[in-house]
Amino acid sequence: MKNPLLEAQIEIRRQQLLKENKKSLLERYADSKPTPSKGLGDTIEKVFEKTGIKHVAKKALGEDCGCNKRKETLNSWFPYKDKK
């Protein structure tokens, strides 16, 4: 059974939190520009981060899962050309 009064109170609080935090969230993410990929390894790392695969790998294999070495190897084998 839904409680309309409780739901209204939750919605009001949600709106308040959005107003309070909107400025800080915009400031935090406005300065963060994605770094350009040097090669295939960087691109794969970004995809794995966005999909959550990197998090799962670190949990399963530990902090030193070999991801950085793999990334550097792929970057050296398949580098992207600099745009001029």
PDB file of N, CA and C in Angstrom:
ATOM      1  N   MET A   1       0.850  -1.168   0.000  1.00  0.00           N
ATOM      2  CA  MET A   1       0.000   0.000   0.000  1.00  0.00           C
ATOM      3  C   MET A   1       0.899   1.235   0.000  1.00  0.00           C
ATOM      4  N   LYS A   2       0.603   2.161  -0.883  1.00  0.00           N
ATOM      5  CA  LYS A   2       1.401   3.377  -0.996  1.00  0.00           C
ATOM      6  C   LYS A   2       0.863   4.446  -0.065  1.00  0.00           C
ATOM      7  N   ASN A   3       1.793   5.189   0.486  1.00  0.00           N
ATOM      8  CA  ASN A   3       1.430   6.291   1.360  1.00  0.00           C
ATOM      9  C   ASN A   3       1.707   7.592   0.610  1.00  0.00           C
ATOM     10  N   PRO A   4       0.655   8.282   0.140  1.00  0.00           N
ATOM     11  CA  PRO A   4       0.855   9.489  -0.660  1.00  0.00           C
ATOM     12  C   PRO A   4       1.590  10.594   0.094  1.00  0.00           C
ATOM     13  N   LEU A   5       1.365  10.709   1.376  1.00  0.00           N
ATOM     14  CA  LEU A   5       2.029  11.744   2.162  1.00  0.00           C
ATOM     15  C   LEU A   5       3.538  11.467   2.236  1.00  0.00           C
ATOM     16  N   LEU A   6       3.897  10.230   2.488  1.00  0.00           N
ATOM     17  CA  LEU A   6       5.302   9.853   2.556  1.00  0.00           C
ATOM     18  C   LEU A   6       5.975  10.045   1.199  1.00  0.00           C
ATOM     19  N   GLU A   7       5.310   9.636   0.142  1.00  0.00           N
ATOM     20  CA  GLU A   7       5.874   9.800  -1.196  1.00  0.00           C
ATOM     21  C   GLU A   7       6.075  11.272  -1.528  1.00  0.00           C
ATOM     22  N   ALA A   8       5.158  12.139  -1.128  1.00  0.00           N
ATOM     23  CA  ALA A   8       5.295  13.574  -1.363  1.00  0.00           C
ATOM     24  C   ALA A   8       6.482  14.133  -0.584  1.00  0.00           C
ATOM     25  N   GLN A   9       6.651  13.688   0.650  1.00  0.00           N
ATOM     26  CA  GLN A   9       7.775  14.146   1.460  1.00  0.00           C
ATOM     27  C   GLN A   9       9.114  13.698   0.862  1.00  0.00           C
ATOM     28  N   ILE A  10       9.167  12.493   0.366  1.00  0.00           N
ATOM     29  CA  ILE A  10      10.384  11.981  -0.260  1.00  0.00           C
ATOM     30  C   ILE A  10      10.709  12.790  -1.511  1.00  0.00           C
ATOM     31  N   GLU A  11       9.708  13.097  -2.295  1.00  0.00           N
ATOM     32  CA  GLU A  11       9.923  13.874  -3.524  1.00  0.00           C
ATOM     33  C   GLU A  11      10.406  15.281  -3.193  1.00  0.00           C
ATOM     34  N   ILE A  12       9.839  15.898  -2.170  1.00  0.00           N
ATOM     35  CA  ILE A  12      10.273  17.234  -1.760  1.00  0.00           C
ATOM     36  C   ILE A  12      11.733  17.194  -1.328  1.00  0.00           C
ATOM     37  N   ARG A  13      12.106  16.196  -0.549  1.00  0.00           N
ATOM     38  CA  ARG A  13      13.493  16.072  -0.081  1.00  0.00           C
ATOM     39  C   ARG A  13      14.440  15.811  -1.242  1.00  0.00           C
ATOM     40  N   ARG A  14      14.006  15.011  -2.199  1.00  0.00           N
ATOM     41  CA  ARG A  14      14.828  14.736  -3.381  1.00  0.00           C
ATOM     42  C   ARG A  14      15.101  16.014  -4.154  1.00  0.00           C
ATOM     43  N   GLN A  15      14.066  16.827  -4.325  1.00  0.00           N
ATOM     44  CA  GLN A  15      14.226  18.108  -5.025  1.00  0.00           C
ATOM     45  C   GLN A  15      15.175  19.033  -4.267  1.00  0.00           C
ATOM     46  N   GLN A  16      15.073  19.051  -2.934  1.00  0.00           N
ATOM     47  CA  GLN A  16      15.967  19.885  -2.124  1.00  0.00           C
ATOM     48  C   GLN A  16      17.420  19.448  -2.299  1.00  0.00           C
ATOM     49  N   LEU A  17      17.653  18.144  -2.254  1.00  0.00           N
ATOM     50  CA  LEU A  17      19.013  17.627  -2.410  1.00  0.00           C
ATOM     51  C   LEU A  17      19.577  17.960  -3.784  1.00  0.00           C
ATOM     52  N   LEU A  18      18.745  17.863  -4.810  1.00  0.00           N
ATOM     53  CA  LEU A  18      19.197  18.209  -6.155  1.00  0.00           C
ATOM     54  C   LEU A  18      19.602  19.675  -6.231  1.00  0.00           C
ATOM     55  N   LYS A  19      18.786  20.546  -5.646  1.00  0.00           N
ATOM     56  CA  LYS A  19      19.109  21.980  -5.657  1.00  0.00           C
ATOM     57  C   LYS A  19      20.393  22.259  -4.892  1.00  0.00           C
ATOM     58  N   GLU A  20      20.565  21.629  -3.738  1.00  0.00           N
ATOM     59  CA  GLU A  20      21.739  21.856  -2.904  1.00  0.00           C
ATOM     60  C   GLU A  20      23.023  21.361  -3.577  1.00  0.00           C
ATOM     61  N   ASN A  21      22.941  20.251  -4.276  1.00  0.00           N
ATOM     62  CA  ASN A  21      24.144  19.622  -4.814  1.00  0.00           C
ATOM     63  C   ASN A  21      24.390  19.900  -6.288  1.00  0.00           C
ATOM     64  N   LYS A  22      23.453  20.508  -6.965  1.00  0.00           N
ATOM     65  CA  LYS A  22      23.576  20.722  -8.402  1.00  0.00           C
ATOM     66  C   LYS A  22      24.817  21.530  -8.752  1.00  0.00           C
ATOM     67  N   LYS A  23      25.046  22.621  -8.037  1.00  0.00           N
ATOM     68  CA  LYS A  23      26.183  23.480  -8.350  1.00  0.00           C
ATOM     69  C   LYS A  23      27.506  22.752  -8.149  1.00  0.00           C
ATOM     70  N   SER A  24      27.652  22.041  -7.040  1.00  0.00           N
ATOM     71  CA  SER A  24      28.917  21.343  -6.787  1.00  0.00           C
ATOM     72  C   SER A  24      29.137  20.211  -7.791  1.00  0.00           C
ATOM     73  N   LEU A  25      28.067  19.521  -8.170  1.00  0.00           N
ATOM     74  CA  LEU A  25      28.210  18.455  -9.163  1.00  0.00           C
ATOM     75  C   LEU A  25      28.606  19.012 -10.520  1.00  0.00           C
ATOM     76  N   LEU A  26      28.006  20.119 -10.923  1.00  0.00           N
ATOM     77  CA  LEU A  26      28.353  20.730 -12.199  1.00  0.00           C
ATOM     78  C   LEU A  26      29.794  21.216 -12.199  1.00  0.00           C
ATOM     79  N   GLU A  27      30.231  21.803 -11.093  1.00  0.00           N
ATOM     80  CA  GLU A  27      31.610  22.275 -11.002  1.00  0.00           C
ATOM     81  C   GLU A  27      32.594  21.107 -11.049  1.00  0.00           C
ATOM     82  N   ARG A  28      32.261  20.037 -10.373  1.00  0.00           N
ATOM     83  CA  ARG A  28      33.154  18.875 -10.320  1.00  0.00           C
ATOM     84  C   ARG A  28      33.345  18.266 -11.693  1.00  0.00           C
ATOM     85  N   TYR A  29      32.273  18.146 -12.459  1.00  0.00           N
ATOM     86  CA  TYR A  29      32.375  17.467 -13.742  1.00  0.00           C
ATOM     87  C   TYR A  29      32.645  18.397 -14.908  1.00  0.00           C
ATOM     88  N   ALA A  30      32.535  19.692 -14.716  1.00  0.00           N
ATOM     89  CA  ALA A  30      32.824  20.635 -15.794  1.00  0.00           C
ATOM     90  C   ALA A  30      34.320  20.667 -16.094  1.00  0.00           C
ATOM     91  N   ASP A  31      35.141  20.524 -15.056  1.00  0.00           N
ATOM     92  CA  ASP A  31      36.586  20.593 -15.237  1.00  0.00           C
ATOM     93  C   ASP A  31      37.185  19.283 -15.730  1.00  0.00           C
ATOM     94  N   SER A  32      36.463  18.201 -15.583  1.00  0.00           N
ATOM     95  CA  SER A  32      37.022  16.902 -15.962  1.00  0.00           C
ATOM     96  C   SER A  32      36.797  16.648 -17.447  1.00  0.00           C
ATOM     97  N   LYS A  33      37.876  16.793 -18.190  1.00  0.00           N
ATOM     98  CA  LYS A  33      37.822  16.508 -19.625  1.00  0.00           C
ATOM     99  C   LYS A  33      38.438  15.137 -19.843  1.00  0.00           C
ATOM    100  N   PRO A  34      37.826  14.342 -20.693  1.00  0.00           N
ATOM    101  CA  PRO A  34      38.410  13.020 -20.937  1.00  0.00           C
ATOM    102  C   PRO A  34      39.767  13.157 -21.624  1.00  0.00           C
ATOM    103  N   THR A  35      40.710  12.365 -21.174  1.00  0.00           N
ATOM    104  CA  THR A  35      42.027  12.396 -21.791  1.00  0.00           C
ATOM    105  C   THR A  35      41.977  11.605 -23.091  1.00  0.00           C
ATOM    106  N   PRO A  36      42.641  12.102 -24.121  1.00  0.00           N
ATOM    107  CA  PRO A  36      42.614  11.370 -25.389  1.00  0.00           C
ATOM    108  C   PRO A  36      43.355  10.049 -25.262  1.00  0.00           C
ATOM    109  N   SER A  37      42.867   9.062 -25.951  1.00  0.00           N
ATOM    110  CA  SER A  37      43.482   7.737 -25.920  1.00  0.00           C
ATOM    111  C   SER A  37      44.767   7.741 -26.737  1.00  0.00           C
ATOM    112  N   LYS A  38      45.814   7.125 -26.190  1.00  0.00           N
ATOM    113  CA  LYS A  38      47.085   7.005 -26.904  1.00  0.00           C
ATOM    114  C   LYS A  38      47.067   5.823 -27.870  1.00  0.00           C
ATOM    115  N   GLY A  39      46.231   4.840 -27.544  1.00  0.00           N
ATOM    116  CA  GLY A  39      46.174   3.646 -28.374  1.00  0.00           C
ATOM    117  C   GLY A  39      45.000   2.769 -27.965  1.00  0.00           C
ATOM    118  N   LEU A  40      44.991   1.566 -28.510  1.00  0.00           N
ATOM    119  CA  LEU A  40      43.892   0.632 -28.271  1.00  0.00           C
ATOM    120  C   LEU A  40      43.734   0.283 -26.794  1.00  0.00           C
ATOM    121  N   GLY A  41      44.842   0.186 -26.070  1.00  0.00           N
ATOM    122  CA  GLY A  41      44.774  -0.154 -24.649  1.00  0.00           C
ATOM    123  C   GLY A  41      43.992   0.868 -23.840  1.00  0.00           C
ATOM    124  N   ASP A  42      44.188   2.155 -24.127  1.00  0.00           N
ATOM    125  CA  ASP A  42      43.442   3.211 -23.426  1.00  0.00           C
ATOM    126  C   ASP A  42      41.950   3.121 -23.731  1.00  0.00           C
ATOM    127  N   THR A  43      41.628   2.856 -24.990  1.00  0.00           N
ATOM    128  CA  THR A  43      40.223   2.760 -25.380  1.00  0.00           C
ATOM    129  C   THR A  43      39.547   1.580 -24.692  1.00  0.00           C
ATOM    130  N   ILE A  44      40.217   0.441 -24.658  1.00  0.00           N
ATOM    131  CA  ILE A  44      39.652  -0.728 -23.996  1.00  0.00           C
ATOM    132  C   ILE A  44      39.475  -0.462 -22.508  1.00  0.00           C
ATOM    133  N   GLU A  45      40.445   0.214 -21.888  1.00  0.00           N
ATOM    134  CA  GLU A  45      40.329   0.546 -20.466  1.00  0.00           C
ATOM    135  C   GLU A  45      39.093   1.422 -20.210  1.00  0.00           C
ATOM    136  N   LYS A  46      38.850   2.407 -21.066  1.00  0.00           N
ATOM    137  CA  LYS A  46      37.679   3.282 -20.897  1.00  0.00           C
ATOM    138  C   LYS A  46      36.380   2.494 -21.028  1.00  0.00           C
ATOM    139  N   VAL A  47      36.331   1.585 -21.986  1.00  0.00           N
ATOM    140  CA  VAL A  47      35.130   0.758 -22.169  1.00  0.00           C
ATOM    141  C   VAL A  47      34.916  -0.129 -20.946  1.00  0.00           C
ATOM    142  N   PHE A  48      35.987  -0.735 -20.453  1.00  0.00           N
ATOM    143  CA  PHE A  48      35.881  -1.602 -19.274  1.00  0.00           C
ATOM    144  C   PHE A  48      35.467  -0.823 -18.033  1.00  0.00           C
ATOM    145  N   GLU A  49      35.931   0.412 -17.899  1.00  0.00           N
ATOM    146  CA  GLU A  49      35.525   1.234 -16.755  1.00  0.00           C
ATOM    147  C   GLU A  49      34.034   1.562 -16.830  1.00  0.00           C
ATOM    148  N   LYS A  50      33.567   1.951 -18.006  1.00  0.00           N
ATOM    149  CA  LYS A  50      32.157   2.339 -18.162  1.00  0.00           C
ATOM    150  C   LYS A  50      31.203   1.164 -17.991  1.00  0.00           C
ATOM    151  N   THR A  51      31.628  -0.020 -18.392  1.00  0.00           N
ATOM    152  CA  THR A  51      30.750  -1.183 -18.303  1.00  0.00           C
ATOM    153  C   THR A  51      30.860  -1.918 -16.971  1.00  0.00           C
ATOM    154  N   GLY A  52      31.857  -1.557 -16.161  1.00  0.00           N
ATOM    155  CA  GLY A  52      32.019  -2.199 -14.863  1.00  0.00           C
ATOM    156  C   GLY A  52      32.916  -3.421 -14.880  1.00  0.00           C
ATOM    157  N   ILE A  53      33.447  -3.766 -16.043  1.00  0.00           N
ATOM    158  CA  ILE A  53      34.308  -4.946 -16.147  1.00  0.00           C
ATOM    159  C   ILE A  53      35.593  -4.746 -15.343  1.00  0.00           C
ATOM    160  N   LYS A  54      36.127  -3.527 -15.358  1.00  0.00           N
ATOM    161  CA  LYS A  54      37.371  -3.257 -14.631  1.00  0.00           C
ATOM    162  C   LYS A  54      37.179  -3.481 -13.129  1.00  0.00           C
ATOM    163  N   HIS A  55      36.050  -3.051 -12.609  1.00  0.00           N
ATOM    164  CA  HIS A  55      35.749  -3.228 -11.188  1.00  0.00           C
ATOM    165  C   HIS A  55      35.667  -4.717 -10.834  1.00  0.00           C
ATOM    166  N   VAL A  56      35.015  -5.486 -11.672  1.00  0.00           N
ATOM    167  CA  VAL A  56      34.878  -6.925 -11.435  1.00  0.00           C
ATOM    168  C   VAL A  56      36.243  -7.604 -11.497  1.00  0.00           C
ATOM    169  N   ALA A  57      37.067  -7.203 -12.466  1.00  0.00           N
ATOM    170  CA  ALA A  57      38.396  -7.808 -12.606  1.00  0.00           C
ATOM    171  C   ALA A  57      39.258  -7.513 -11.379  1.00  0.00           C
ATOM    172  N   LYS A  58      39.188  -6.297 -10.881  1.00  0.00           N
ATOM    173  CA  LYS A  58      39.984  -5.942  -9.699  1.00  0.00           C
ATOM    174  C   LYS A  58      39.503  -6.706  -8.470  1.00  0.00           C
ATOM    175  N   LYS A  59      38.198  -6.928  -8.361  1.00  0.00           N
ATOM    176  CA  LYS A  59      37.671  -7.698  -7.231  1.00  0.00           C
ATOM    177  C   LYS A  59      38.088  -9.166  -7.332  1.00  0.00           C
ATOM    178  N   ALA A  60      38.045  -9.710  -8.534  1.00  0.00           N
ATOM    179  CA  ALA A  60      38.338 -11.128  -8.717  1.00  0.00           C
ATOM    180  C   ALA A  60      39.840 -11.421  -8.687  1.00  0.00           C
ATOM    181  N   LEU A  61      40.632 -10.531  -9.294  1.00  0.00           N
ATOM    182  CA  LEU A  61      42.061 -10.801  -9.453  1.00  0.00           C
ATOM    183  C   LEU A  61      42.947  -9.986  -8.521  1.00  0.00           C
ATOM    184  N   GLY A  62      42.368  -9.057  -7.790  1.00  0.00           N
ATOM    185  CA  GLY A  62      43.160  -8.205  -6.906  1.00  0.00           C
ATOM    186  C   GLY A  62      43.512  -6.891  -7.589  1.00  0.00           C
ATOM    187  N   GLU A  63      44.090  -5.993  -6.815  1.00  0.00           N
ATOM    188  CA  GLU A  63      44.421  -4.666  -7.350  1.00  0.00           C
ATOM    189  C   GLU A  63      45.407  -4.750  -8.505  1.00  0.00           C
ATOM    190  N   ASP A  64      46.363  -5.673  -8.434  1.00  0.00           N
ATOM    191  CA  ASP A  64      47.338  -5.812  -9.510  1.00  0.00           C
ATOM    192  C   ASP A  64      46.886  -6.936 -10.438  1.00  0.00           C
ATOM    193  N   CYS A  65      45.879  -6.626 -11.247  1.00  0.00           N
ATOM    194  CA  CYS A  65      45.300  -7.653 -12.116  1.00  0.00           C
ATOM    195  C   CYS A  65      46.003  -7.741 -13.467  1.00  0.00           C
ATOM    196  N   GLY A  66      47.026  -6.914 -13.662  1.00  0.00           N
ATOM    197  CA  GLY A  66      47.729  -6.919 -14.939  1.00  0.00           C
ATOM    198  C   GLY A  66      47.133  -5.973 -15.953  1.00  0.00           C
ATOM    199  N   CYS A  67      46.148  -5.195 -15.556  1.00  0.00           N
ATOM    200  CA  CYS A  67      45.459  -4.303 -16.479  1.00  0.00           C
ATOM    201  C   CYS A  67      46.396  -3.233 -17.051  1.00  0.00           C
ATOM    202  N   ASN A  68      47.215  -2.634 -16.200  1.00  0.00           N
ATOM    203  CA  ASN A  68      48.104  -1.562 -16.674  1.00  0.00           C
ATOM    204  C   ASN A  68      49.136  -2.081 -17.661  1.00  0.00           C
ATOM    205  N   LYS A  69      49.713  -3.237 -17.379  1.00  0.00           N
ATOM    206  CA  LYS A  69      50.691  -3.816 -18.303  1.00  0.00           C
ATOM    207  C   LYS A  69      50.026  -4.157 -19.638  1.00  0.00           C
ATOM    208  N   ARG A  70      48.840  -4.730 -19.564  1.00  0.00           N
ATOM    209  CA  ARG A  70      48.096  -5.073 -20.776  1.00  0.00           C
ATOM    210  C   ARG A  70      47.772  -3.818 -21.576  1.00  0.00           C
ATOM    211  N   LYS A  71      47.357  -2.767 -20.875  1.00  0.00           N
ATOM    212  CA  LYS A  71      47.030  -1.501 -21.545  1.00  0.00           C
ATOM    213  C   LYS A  71      48.253  -0.939 -22.266  1.00  0.00           C
ATOM    214  N   GLU A  72      49.395  -0.904 -21.584  1.00  0.00           N
ATOM    215  CA  GLU A  72      50.619  -0.358 -22.195  1.00  0.00           C
ATOM    216  C   GLU A  72      51.064  -1.204 -23.387  1.00  0.00           C
ATOM    217  N   THR A  73      50.938  -2.526 -23.274  1.00  0.00           N
ATOM    218  CA  THR A  73      51.304  -3.406 -24.388  1.00  0.00           C
ATOM    219  C   THR A  73      50.422  -3.138 -25.595  1.00  0.00           C
ATOM    220  N   LEU A  74      49.116  -3.057 -25.384  1.00  0.00           N
ATOM    221  CA  LEU A  74      48.207  -2.785 -26.502  1.00  0.00           C
ATOM    222  C   LEU A  74      48.445  -1.396 -27.087  1.00  0.00           C
ATOM    223  N   ASN A  75      48.759  -0.419 -26.237  1.00  0.00           N
ATOM    224  CA  ASN A  75      49.060   0.920 -26.750  1.00  0.00           C
ATOM    225  C   ASN A  75      50.306   0.906 -27.632  1.00  0.00           C
ATOM    226  N   SER A  76      51.320   0.107 -27.265  1.00  0.00           N
ATOM    227  CA  SER A  76      52.539   0.061 -28.078  1.00  0.00           C
ATOM    228  C   SER A  76      52.314  -0.713 -29.383  1.00  0.00           C
ATOM    229  N   TRP A  77      51.470  -1.729 -29.349  1.00  0.00           N
ATOM    230  CA  TRP A  77      51.192  -2.496 -30.557  1.00  0.00           C
ATOM    231  C   TRP A  77      50.250  -1.764 -31.522  1.00  0.00           C
ATOM    232  N   PHE A  78      49.270  -1.048 -30.951  1.00  0.00           N
ATOM    233  CA  PHE A  78      48.261  -0.369 -31.770  1.00  0.00           C
ATOM    234  C   PHE A  78      48.115   1.092 -31.346  1.00  0.00           C
ATOM    235  N   PRO A  79      49.144   1.906 -31.609  1.00  0.00           N
ATOM    236  CA  PRO A  79      49.051   3.317 -31.209  1.00  0.00           C
ATOM    237  C   PRO A  79      48.149   4.100 -32.162  1.00  0.00           C
ATOM    238  N   TYR A  80      47.569   5.153 -31.648  1.00  0.00           N
ATOM    239  CA  TYR A  80      46.783   6.064 -32.476  1.00  0.00           C
ATOM    240  C   TYR A  80      47.700   7.162 -32.958  1.00  0.00           C
ATOM    241  N   LYS A  81      47.470   7.621 -34.152  1.00  0.00           N
ATOM    242  CA  LYS A  81      48.269   8.717 -34.696  1.00  0.00           C
ATOM    243  C   LYS A  81      47.817  10.025 -34.081  1.00  0.00           C
ATOM    244  N   ASP A  82      48.779  10.919 -33.832  1.00  0.00           N
ATOM    245  CA  ASP A  82      48.450  12.248 -33.322  1.00  0.00           C
ATOM    246  C   ASP A  82      47.784  13.058 -34.426  1.00  0.00           C
ATOM    247  N   LYS A  83      46.688  13.748 -34.053  1.00  0.00           N
ATOM    248  CA  LYS A  83      46.025  14.628 -35.015  1.00  0.00           C
ATOM    249  C   LYS A  83      46.691  15.979 -34.948  1.00  0.00           C
ATOM    250  N   LYS A  84      47.085  16.490 -36.071  1.00  0.00           N
ATOM    251  CA  LYS A  84      47.742  17.804 -36.110  1.00  0.00           C
ATOM    252  C   LYS A  84      46.928  18.786 -36.891  1.00  0.00           C
TER     253      LYS A  84
END
